[in-house]
């Protein structure tokens, strides 16, 4: 799957979590969202890319 297929939020979360190797809590702080939002966004990006594109 191309990163371009993801929403901006999902792309950012994926880049920070896996590219920058940050913990979910650190990603949440960087994105100014809750850890739960990060977890859900990453889950959707991995499991259902179509849902991640709608996840804004």
C-alpha atoms as a PDB file:
ATOM      1  CA  UNK A   1       0.000   0.000   0.000  1.00  0.00           C
ATOM      2  CA  UNK A   2       1.224   3.451  -0.850  1.00  0.00           C
ATOM      3  CA  UNK A   3       1.499   6.051   1.870  1.00  0.00           C
ATOM      4  CA  UNK A   4      -0.290   8.393  -0.527  1.00  0.00           C
ATOM      5  CA  UNK A   5      -3.458   6.304  -0.050  1.00  0.00           C
ATOM      6  CA  UNK A   6      -3.566   7.228   3.649  1.00  0.00           C
ATOM      7  CA  UNK A   7      -5.125  10.308   5.187  1.00  0.00           C
ATOM      8  CA  UNK A   8      -2.719  13.022   6.347  1.00  0.00           C
ATOM      9  CA  UNK A   9      -3.292  12.000   9.974  1.00  0.00           C
ATOM     10  CA  UNK A  10      -2.608   8.330   9.221  1.00  0.00           C
ATOM     11  CA  UNK A  11       0.507   9.195   7.191  1.00  0.00           C
ATOM     12  CA  UNK A  12       1.833  11.314  10.041  1.00  0.00           C
ATOM     13  CA  UNK A  13       1.117   8.648  12.651  1.00  0.00           C
ATOM     14  CA  UNK A  14       2.760   5.909  10.555  1.00  0.00           C
ATOM     15  CA  UNK A  15       5.815   8.083   9.835  1.00  0.00           C
ATOM     16  CA  UNK A  16       6.301   8.993  13.485  1.00  0.00           C
ATOM     17  CA  UNK A  17       5.610   5.535  14.894  1.00  0.00           C
ATOM     18  CA  UNK A  18       7.532   3.418  12.420  1.00  0.00           C
ATOM     19  CA  UNK A  19       9.789   5.882  10.605  1.00  0.00           C
ATOM     20  CA  UNK A  20      10.934   7.857  13.650  1.00  0.00           C
ATOM     21  CA  UNK A  21      10.472   4.846  15.974  1.00  0.00           C
ATOM     22  CA  UNK A  22       8.471   6.820  18.530  1.00  0.00           C
ATOM     23  CA  UNK A  23       6.234   5.200  21.118  1.00  0.00           C
ATOM     24  CA  UNK A  24       2.485   5.696  20.715  1.00  0.00           C
ATOM     25  CA  UNK A  25       2.472   8.156  23.620  1.00  0.00           C
ATOM     26  CA  UNK A  26       5.223  10.195  21.960  1.00  0.00           C
ATOM     27  CA  UNK A  27       3.338  10.176  18.654  1.00  0.00           C
ATOM     28  CA  UNK A  28       0.220  11.354  20.491  1.00  0.00           C
ATOM     29  CA  UNK A  29       2.134  14.227  22.083  1.00  0.00           C
ATOM     30  CA  UNK A  30       3.672  15.222  18.745  1.00  0.00           C
ATOM     31  CA  UNK A  31       0.287  15.158  16.997  1.00  0.00           C
ATOM     32  CA  UNK A  32      -1.616  16.743  19.915  1.00  0.00           C
ATOM     33  CA  UNK A  33      -4.105  13.862  20.056  1.00  0.00           C
ATOM     34  CA  UNK A  34      -4.806  11.107  22.578  1.00  0.00           C
ATOM     35  CA  UNK A  35      -2.872   7.860  22.636  1.00  0.00           C
ATOM     36  CA  UNK A  36      -6.125   6.083  21.802  1.00  0.00           C
ATOM     37  CA  UNK A  37      -6.481   8.140  18.634  1.00  0.00           C
ATOM     38  CA  UNK A  38      -2.968   7.152  17.600  1.00  0.00           C
ATOM     39  CA  UNK A  39      -3.620   3.480  18.333  1.00  0.00           C
ATOM     40  CA  UNK A  40      -6.871   3.504  16.367  1.00  0.00           C
ATOM     41  CA  UNK A  41      -5.323   5.395  13.458  1.00  0.00           C
ATOM     42  CA  UNK A  42      -2.400   2.964  13.235  1.00  0.00           C
ATOM     43  CA  UNK A  43      -4.699  -0.043  13.550  1.00  0.00           C
ATOM     44  CA  UNK A  44      -6.914   1.194  10.731  1.00  0.00           C
ATOM     45  CA  UNK A  45      -3.939   2.061   8.550  1.00  0.00           C
ATOM     46  CA  UNK A  46      -2.587  -1.482   8.898  1.00  0.00           C
ATOM     47  CA  UNK A  47      -5.860  -3.383   8.744  1.00  0.00           C
ATOM     48  CA  UNK A  48      -8.064  -1.358   6.438  1.00  0.00           C
ATOM     49  CA  UNK A  49      -6.317   1.338   4.391  1.00  0.00           C
ATOM     50  CA  UNK A  50      -9.695   2.510   3.043  1.00  0.00           C
ATOM     51  CA  UNK A  51     -10.891   3.243   6.590  1.00  0.00           C
ATOM     52  CA  UNK A  52      -7.678   5.154   7.308  1.00  0.00           C
ATOM     53  CA  UNK A  53      -8.313   7.399   4.322  1.00  0.00           C
ATOM     54  CA  UNK A  54     -11.724   8.283   5.760  1.00  0.00           C
ATOM     55  CA  UNK A  55     -10.354   8.681   9.306  1.00  0.00           C
ATOM     56  CA  UNK A  56      -9.928  12.418   9.284  1.00  0.00           C
END
